[in-house]
């Protein structure tokens, strides 16, 4: 699936809006300061309420010289096999977090990722869209 495919692009954009809405709902209910796993669990619940399919803690192999190597990469969420969601609870999103998500996008061949930092007073300040 290449990002030039309009349907994929449109669906990915729709999903990113749904993910943002679900994340804001989680943040509104829980606030900042909890563990990443609490936000992940709650976000999964909100996505399922919205009939959005996802995979949690999806293992991401590294292909090296034609061999798949298990290097311990895990996607927090892969939404409808299109959007990678990386959940953080950090003081601020650092370049290393964006680089990590970009690596996941490159390894998975996907083009849209979302970095969501729940440890902020206003969630929209904690959301970054990353495009491969």
C-alpha atoms as a PDB file:
ATOM      1  CA  UNK A   1       0.000   0.000   0.000  1.00  0.00           C
ATOM      2  CA  UNK A   2       1.619   3.174  -1.114  1.00  0.00           C
ATOM      3  CA  UNK A   3       0.611   6.535   0.296  1.00  0.00           C
ATOM      4  CA  UNK A   4      -0.242   7.775  -3.206  1.00  0.00           C
ATOM      5  CA  UNK A   5      -3.285   5.504  -3.086  1.00  0.00           C
ATOM      6  CA  UNK A   6      -6.065   8.033  -2.427  1.00  0.00           C
ATOM      7  CA  UNK A   7      -8.373   5.623  -0.614  1.00  0.00           C
ATOM      8  CA  UNK A   8      -5.599   4.627   1.780  1.00  0.00           C
ATOM      9  CA  UNK A   9      -4.711   8.275   2.363  1.00  0.00           C
ATOM     10  CA  UNK A  10      -8.336   9.243   2.969  1.00  0.00           C
ATOM     11  CA  UNK A  11      -8.955   6.325   5.355  1.00  0.00           C
ATOM     12  CA  UNK A  12      -5.702   7.023   7.225  1.00  0.00           C
ATOM     13  CA  UNK A  13      -6.756  10.654   7.685  1.00  0.00           C
ATOM     14  CA  UNK A  14     -10.206   9.584   8.910  1.00  0.00           C
ATOM     15  CA  UNK A  15      -8.573   7.155  11.334  1.00  0.00           C
ATOM     16  CA  UNK A  16      -6.208   9.811  12.651  1.00  0.00           C
ATOM     17  CA  UNK A  17      -9.239  11.994  13.475  1.00  0.00           C
ATOM     18  CA  UNK A  18     -10.956   9.046  15.205  1.00  0.00           C
ATOM     19  CA  UNK A  19      -7.763   8.258  17.146  1.00  0.00           C
ATOM     20  CA  UNK A  20      -7.449  11.901  18.241  1.00  0.00           C
ATOM     21  CA  UNK A  21     -11.095  11.960  19.346  1.00  0.00           C
ATOM     22  CA  UNK A  22     -10.713   8.717  21.290  1.00  0.00           C
ATOM     23  CA  UNK A  23      -7.446   9.943  22.867  1.00  0.00           C
ATOM     24  CA  UNK A  24      -9.029  13.230  23.959  1.00  0.00           C
ATOM     25  CA  UNK A  25     -11.879  11.256  25.557  1.00  0.00           C
ATOM     26  CA  UNK A  26      -9.376   9.080  27.457  1.00  0.00           C
ATOM     27  CA  UNK A  27      -7.370  12.133  28.580  1.00  0.00           C
ATOM     28  CA  UNK A  28     -10.549  13.962  29.633  1.00  0.00           C
ATOM     29  CA  UNK A  29     -11.483  11.016  31.846  1.00  0.00           C
ATOM     30  CA  UNK A  30      -8.067  10.063  33.231  1.00  0.00           C
ATOM     31  CA  UNK A  31      -5.980  13.234  33.062  1.00  0.00           C
ATOM     32  CA  UNK A  32      -2.173  13.116  32.974  1.00  0.00           C
ATOM     33  CA  UNK A  33       0.111  11.161  35.304  1.00  0.00           C
ATOM     34  CA  UNK A  34      -0.803   7.490  34.841  1.00  0.00           C
ATOM     35  CA  UNK A  35       1.216   4.651  33.309  1.00  0.00           C
ATOM     36  CA  UNK A  36       1.389   4.233  29.523  1.00  0.00           C
ATOM     37  CA  UNK A  37      -0.390   0.880  29.878  1.00  0.00           C
ATOM     38  CA  UNK A  38      -3.426   2.603  31.469  1.00  0.00           C
ATOM     39  CA  UNK A  39      -3.774   4.941  28.486  1.00  0.00           C
ATOM     40  CA  UNK A  40      -3.197   2.120  26.007  1.00  0.00           C
ATOM     41  CA  UNK A  41      -5.893  -0.035  27.629  1.00  0.00           C
ATOM     42  CA  UNK A  42      -8.343   2.894  27.767  1.00  0.00           C
ATOM     43  CA  UNK A  43      -7.600   3.997  24.194  1.00  0.00           C
ATOM     44  CA  UNK A  44      -8.235   0.435  22.970  1.00  0.00           C
ATOM     45  CA  UNK A  45     -11.571   0.492  24.784  1.00  0.00           C
ATOM     46  CA  UNK A  46     -12.515   3.820  23.140  1.00  0.00           C
ATOM     47  CA  UNK A  47     -11.466   2.560  19.683  1.00  0.00           C
ATOM     48  CA  UNK A  48     -13.563  -0.584  20.106  1.00  0.00           C
ATOM     49  CA  UNK A  49     -16.565   1.585  21.080  1.00  0.00           C
ATOM     50  CA  UNK A  50     -16.047   3.344  17.740  1.00  0.00           C
ATOM     51  CA  UNK A  51     -15.860   0.005  15.846  1.00  0.00           C
ATOM     52  CA  UNK A  52     -12.248   0.651  14.853  1.00  0.00           C
ATOM     53  CA  UNK A  53     -10.086  -2.474  14.567  1.00  0.00           C
ATOM     54  CA  UNK A  54      -6.558  -2.506  15.963  1.00  0.00           C
ATOM     55  CA  UNK A  55      -3.727  -4.753  17.075  1.00  0.00           C
ATOM     56  CA  UNK A  56      -1.911  -4.157  20.374  1.00  0.00           C
ATOM     57  CA  UNK A  57       1.786  -4.603  21.057  1.00  0.00           C
ATOM     58  CA  UNK A  58       2.309  -5.854  17.517  1.00  0.00           C
ATOM     59  CA  UNK A  59       5.745  -7.288  16.995  1.00  0.00           C
ATOM     60  CA  UNK A  60       7.664  -5.677  14.120  1.00  0.00           C
ATOM     61  CA  UNK A  61      10.481  -7.755  12.620  1.00  0.00           C
ATOM     62  CA  UNK A  62      13.551  -6.240  10.988  1.00  0.00           C
ATOM     63  CA  UNK A  63      14.284  -7.601   7.522  1.00  0.00           C
ATOM     64  CA  UNK A  64      18.050  -7.925   7.110  1.00  0.00           C
ATOM     65  CA  UNK A  65      19.479  -9.458   3.922  1.00  0.00           C
ATOM     66  CA  UNK A  66      16.157 -11.148   3.251  1.00  0.00           C
ATOM     67  CA  UNK A  67      15.819 -12.593   6.759  1.00  0.00           C
ATOM     68  CA  UNK A  68      13.213 -11.511   9.290  1.00  0.00           C
ATOM     69  CA  UNK A  69      14.945 -10.833  12.600  1.00  0.00           C
ATOM     70  CA  UNK A  70      13.025 -10.383  15.827  1.00  0.00           C
ATOM     71  CA  UNK A  71      14.699  -7.338  17.377  1.00  0.00           C
ATOM     72  CA  UNK A  72      12.143  -6.529  20.031  1.00  0.00           C
ATOM     73  CA  UNK A  73      10.370  -3.743  18.148  1.00  0.00           C
ATOM     74  CA  UNK A  74       6.734  -3.490  19.207  1.00  0.00           C
ATOM     75  CA  UNK A  75       4.039  -1.155  17.972  1.00  0.00           C
ATOM     76  CA  UNK A  76       1.806   0.049  20.816  1.00  0.00           C
ATOM     77  CA  UNK A  77      -1.150   0.043  18.417  1.00  0.00           C
ATOM     78  CA  UNK A  78      -1.613  -0.657  14.743  1.00  0.00           C
ATOM     79  CA  UNK A  79      -5.010   0.753  13.776  1.00  0.00           C
ATOM     80  CA  UNK A  80      -6.775  -0.946  10.841  1.00  0.00           C
ATOM     81  CA  UNK A  81      -3.329  -2.005   9.525  1.00  0.00           C
ATOM     82  CA  UNK A  82      -2.856   1.622   8.407  1.00  0.00           C
ATOM     83  CA  UNK A  83      -1.874   3.912  11.293  1.00  0.00           C
ATOM     84  CA  UNK A  84       0.857   3.274  13.856  1.00  0.00           C
ATOM     85  CA  UNK A  85       0.076   4.770  17.287  1.00  0.00           C
ATOM     86  CA  UNK A  86       2.872   5.206  19.804  1.00  0.00           C
ATOM     87  CA  UNK A  87       1.722   6.094  23.329  1.00  0.00           C
ATOM     88  CA  UNK A  88       3.952   8.085  25.667  1.00  0.00           C
ATOM     89  CA  UNK A  89       3.728   9.552  29.156  1.00  0.00           C
ATOM     90  CA  UNK A  90       6.768  11.821  29.111  1.00  0.00           C
ATOM     91  CA  UNK A  91       7.548  15.371  30.169  1.00  0.00           C
ATOM     92  CA  UNK A  92       7.801  16.357  26.506  1.00  0.00           C
ATOM     93  CA  UNK A  93       8.017  14.653  23.141  1.00  0.00           C
ATOM     94  CA  UNK A  94      11.696  14.552  22.201  1.00  0.00           C
ATOM     95  CA  UNK A  95      13.270  14.068  18.747  1.00  0.00           C
ATOM     96  CA  UNK A  96      14.192  10.493  19.787  1.00  0.00           C
ATOM     97  CA  UNK A  97      10.473   9.636  20.160  1.00  0.00           C
ATOM     98  CA  UNK A  98       9.735  10.986  16.685  1.00  0.00           C
ATOM     99  CA  UNK A  99      12.752   9.069  15.309  1.00  0.00           C
ATOM    100  CA  UNK A 100      11.472   5.868  16.956  1.00  0.00           C
ATOM    101  CA  UNK A 101       8.069   6.243  15.310  1.00  0.00           C
ATOM    102  CA  UNK A 102       9.670   7.054  11.948  1.00  0.00           C
ATOM    103  CA  UNK A 103      11.738   3.845  12.262  1.00  0.00           C
ATOM    104  CA  UNK A 104       8.531   1.883  12.908  1.00  0.00           C
ATOM    105  CA  UNK A 105       6.921   3.444   9.832  1.00  0.00           C
ATOM    106  CA  UNK A 106       9.927   2.584   7.660  1.00  0.00           C
ATOM    107  CA  UNK A 107      10.127  -1.004   8.964  1.00  0.00           C
ATOM    108  CA  UNK A 108       6.381  -1.564   8.522  1.00  0.00           C
ATOM    109  CA  UNK A 109       6.128   0.166   5.136  1.00  0.00           C
ATOM    110  CA  UNK A 110       3.317   2.365   6.452  1.00  0.00           C
ATOM    111  CA  UNK A 111       3.159   6.118   5.950  1.00  0.00           C
ATOM    112  CA  UNK A 112       1.191   7.573   8.868  1.00  0.00           C
ATOM    113  CA  UNK A 113       2.050   7.419  12.539  1.00  0.00           C
ATOM    114  CA  UNK A 114       0.764   9.223  15.601  1.00  0.00           C
ATOM    115  CA  UNK A 115       2.723   9.975  18.718  1.00  0.00           C
ATOM    116  CA  UNK A 116       0.408  10.651  21.645  1.00  0.00           C
ATOM    117  CA  UNK A 117       1.830  11.952  24.921  1.00  0.00           C
ATOM    118  CA  UNK A 118      -0.825  11.737  27.626  1.00  0.00           C
ATOM    119  CA  UNK A 119       1.339  13.478  30.242  1.00  0.00           C
ATOM    120  CA  UNK A 120       0.210  16.998  29.281  1.00  0.00           C
ATOM    121  CA  UNK A 121      -2.444  19.388  30.633  1.00  0.00           C
ATOM    122  CA  UNK A 122      -4.115  19.762  27.195  1.00  0.00           C
ATOM    123  CA  UNK A 123      -3.936  16.671  25.004  1.00  0.00           C
ATOM    124  CA  UNK A 124      -3.788  18.444  21.663  1.00  0.00           C
ATOM    125  CA  UNK A 125      -0.370  19.757  22.754  1.00  0.00           C
ATOM    126  CA  UNK A 126       0.765  16.134  23.154  1.00  0.00           C
ATOM    127  CA  UNK A 127      -0.234  14.839  19.709  1.00  0.00           C
ATOM    128  CA  UNK A 128       2.140  14.629  16.720  1.00  0.00           C
ATOM    129  CA  UNK A 129       1.366  13.221  13.289  1.00  0.00           C
ATOM    130  CA  UNK A 130       4.475  11.716  11.704  1.00  0.00           C
ATOM    131  CA  UNK A 131       4.550  10.943   7.997  1.00  0.00           C
ATOM    132  CA  UNK A 132       7.059   8.566   6.413  1.00  0.00           C
END
